[in-house]
């Protein structure tokens, strides 16, 4: 298990923008994280005092970033990733901030190569799926743009 400090050491999001509290489980294909920041009135993603369910995509993106960092290990090969698209997103609730307790954020790597990864993700609360979808991630987008003729 990885705590919030361990997560913050591996992703670019710092301070209150580091939304995840812990990594509960992970392997080469998937990761499950815990978050409670959805209930924080100071959550930087809130608008008009509310945290809409679509913000769960950012929670999932951070889980994907942690997953990538854990897979890279400490050998210096960690690469910056960019969320390039989300597809098939279904929001089963309107907002996240009205839920007491923790969220479970899960991501599963469906396919990928050295520069492109496709994840399936979900955010749940007390066993109920709040949102789900797929996300495409590009690693080192600046390197990719230099490769174009």
Protein backbone atom coordinates (compact mmCIF):
# COMPACT_ATOMS: atom_id res chain seq x y z
CA UNK A 1 0.00 0.00 0.00
CA UNK A 2 1.19 3.48 -0.89
CA UNK A 3 0.08 6.52 1.14
CA UNK A 4 -0.67 10.07 -0.02
CA UNK A 5 2.95 11.20 0.35
CA UNK A 6 4.11 8.27 -1.75
CA UNK A 7 1.54 9.14 -4.41
CA UNK A 8 2.53 12.83 -4.42
CA UNK A 9 6.17 11.81 -4.88
CA UNK A 10 5.23 9.99 -8.09
CA UNK A 11 2.79 12.34 -9.86
CA UNK A 12 2.98 16.02 -10.82
CA UNK A 13 -0.15 16.96 -8.84
CA UNK A 14 0.78 18.48 -5.51
CA UNK A 15 -0.97 19.99 -2.51
CA UNK A 16 -4.75 19.85 -2.68
CA UNK A 17 -4.58 18.80 -6.35
CA UNK A 18 -3.21 15.42 -5.29
CA UNK A 19 -6.66 13.87 -4.94
CA UNK A 20 -5.81 10.30 -3.94
CA UNK A 21 -5.13 9.15 -0.37
CA UNK A 22 -3.72 5.67 -0.93
CA UNK A 23 -2.98 2.90 -3.39
CA UNK A 24 -4.80 -0.15 -2.08
CA UNK A 25 -3.70 -2.69 -4.68
CA UNK A 26 -1.86 -2.78 -7.99
CA UNK A 27 -0.21 -5.10 -10.48
CA UNK A 28 1.03 -4.84 -14.07
CA UNK A 29 -2.50 -4.44 -15.44
CA UNK A 30 -4.52 -2.58 -12.79
CA UNK A 31 -4.60 -0.26 -9.82
CA UNK A 32 -7.13 0.50 -7.09
CA UNK A 33 -6.88 3.67 -5.02
CA UNK A 34 -8.78 5.30 -2.16
CA UNK A 35 -9.83 8.96 -2.05
CA UNK A 36 -11.65 11.14 0.46
CA UNK A 37 -10.89 14.57 -1.03
CA UNK A 38 -14.28 14.61 -2.77
CA UNK A 39 -15.84 15.59 0.57
CA UNK A 40 -13.36 18.40 1.29
CA UNK A 41 -14.99 21.83 0.93
CA UNK A 42 -11.58 23.14 -0.23
CA UNK A 43 -11.30 20.63 -3.09
CA UNK A 44 -9.85 22.72 -5.97
CA UNK A 45 -12.16 21.07 -8.52
CA UNK A 46 -15.33 22.33 -6.84
CA UNK A 47 -17.47 24.86 -8.67
CA UNK A 48 -20.21 26.79 -6.89
CA UNK A 49 -19.56 24.68 -3.80
CA UNK A 50 -20.22 21.40 -5.64
CA UNK A 51 -18.08 18.64 -7.08
CA UNK A 52 -19.73 17.27 -10.21
CA UNK A 53 -19.36 13.61 -11.07
CA UNK A 54 -17.36 14.36 -14.24
CA UNK A 55 -14.51 15.39 -11.94
CA UNK A 56 -14.14 11.70 -11.19
CA UNK A 57 -12.27 11.50 -14.49
CA UNK A 58 -9.44 13.48 -12.87
CA UNK A 59 -9.39 11.03 -9.97
CA UNK A 60 -9.06 8.19 -12.47
CA UNK A 61 -6.36 10.04 -14.43
CA UNK A 62 -4.31 10.40 -11.27
CA UNK A 63 -4.70 6.69 -10.57
CA UNK A 64 -3.43 5.99 -14.09
CA UNK A 65 -0.46 8.30 -13.47
CA UNK A 66 0.40 6.51 -10.25
CA UNK A 67 0.08 3.18 -12.03
CA UNK A 68 2.50 4.30 -14.72
CA UNK A 69 4.97 5.55 -12.12
CA UNK A 70 4.78 2.29 -10.16
CA UNK A 71 5.35 0.28 -13.33
CA UNK A 72 8.37 2.45 -14.18
CA UNK A 73 9.86 1.82 -10.75
CA UNK A 74 12.90 3.67 -9.52
CA UNK A 75 15.08 3.12 -12.59
CA UNK A 76 14.62 6.66 -13.91
CA UNK A 77 12.38 5.70 -16.83
CA UNK A 78 9.28 7.49 -15.53
CA UNK A 79 7.69 9.45 -18.37
CA UNK A 80 5.18 12.28 -18.38
CA UNK A 81 1.73 11.14 -19.50
CA UNK A 82 -1.09 13.19 -20.99
CA UNK A 83 -4.75 12.28 -21.05
CA UNK A 84 -5.69 12.67 -24.71
CA UNK A 85 -9.28 11.45 -24.76
CA UNK A 86 -12.03 9.87 -22.72
CA UNK A 87 -14.69 7.70 -24.31
CA UNK A 88 -17.74 5.78 -23.31
CA UNK A 89 -18.02 7.75 -20.08
CA UNK A 90 -21.19 7.08 -18.12
CA UNK A 91 -22.04 9.21 -15.10
CA UNK A 92 -24.37 7.33 -12.77
CA UNK A 93 -24.68 10.25 -10.31
CA UNK A 94 -24.70 14.03 -10.66
CA UNK A 95 -22.13 14.84 -8.01
CA UNK A 96 -19.48 13.37 -5.73
CA UNK A 97 -19.30 15.82 -2.83
CA UNK A 98 -22.54 14.65 -1.22
CA UNK A 99 -21.15 11.15 -0.53
CA UNK A 100 -19.77 10.43 2.93
CA UNK A 101 -16.80 8.11 3.26
CA UNK A 102 -14.26 7.03 0.72
CA UNK A 103 -14.26 6.59 -3.02
CA UNK A 104 -12.61 3.65 -4.77
CA UNK A 105 -10.83 4.61 -7.97
CA UNK A 106 -9.90 1.75 -10.27
CA UNK A 107 -8.06 1.69 -13.58
CA UNK A 108 -7.19 -1.26 -15.78
CA UNK A 109 -4.72 -1.13 -18.64
CA UNK A 110 -6.48 -2.62 -21.66
CA UNK A 111 -3.75 -2.17 -24.26
CA UNK A 112 -0.74 -0.10 -25.07
CA UNK A 113 2.70 0.27 -26.51
CA UNK A 114 5.71 2.43 -25.69
CA UNK A 115 3.85 5.70 -26.25
CA UNK A 116 0.08 5.03 -26.12
CA UNK A 117 -2.01 3.38 -23.40
CA UNK A 118 -5.72 2.65 -23.19
CA UNK A 119 -7.25 2.34 -19.72
CA UNK A 120 -10.69 1.40 -18.51
CA UNK A 121 -11.62 3.21 -15.30
CA UNK A 122 -14.34 3.45 -12.67
CA UNK A 123 -15.04 5.40 -9.52
CA UNK A 124 -17.28 3.78 -6.92
CA UNK A 125 -18.66 4.45 -3.45
CA UNK A 126 -19.85 1.74 -1.04
CA UNK A 127 -19.92 -0.79 -3.88
CA UNK A 128 -21.95 1.46 -6.23
CA UNK A 129 -20.40 2.57 -9.52
CA UNK A 130 -20.54 6.37 -9.80
CA UNK A 131 -18.85 6.76 -13.17
CA UNK A 132 -16.96 4.64 -15.66
CA UNK A 133 -15.33 4.89 -19.04
CA UNK A 134 -12.12 4.54 -21.04
CA UNK A 135 -9.20 6.92 -21.33
CA UNK A 136 -6.33 7.19 -23.79
CA UNK A 137 -2.96 8.33 -22.48
CA UNK A 138 0.01 9.47 -24.55
CA UNK A 139 3.45 9.35 -22.97
CA UNK A 140 5.98 12.08 -23.75
CA UNK A 141 3.80 13.96 -26.24
CA UNK A 142 6.69 16.32 -27.07
CA UNK A 143 8.78 13.35 -28.22
CA UNK A 144 5.91 12.16 -30.40
CA UNK A 145 5.51 15.57 -32.08
CA UNK A 146 9.23 15.60 -32.93
CA UNK A 147 8.84 12.23 -34.67
CA UNK A 148 6.26 13.59 -37.13
CA UNK A 149 7.60 14.34 -40.66
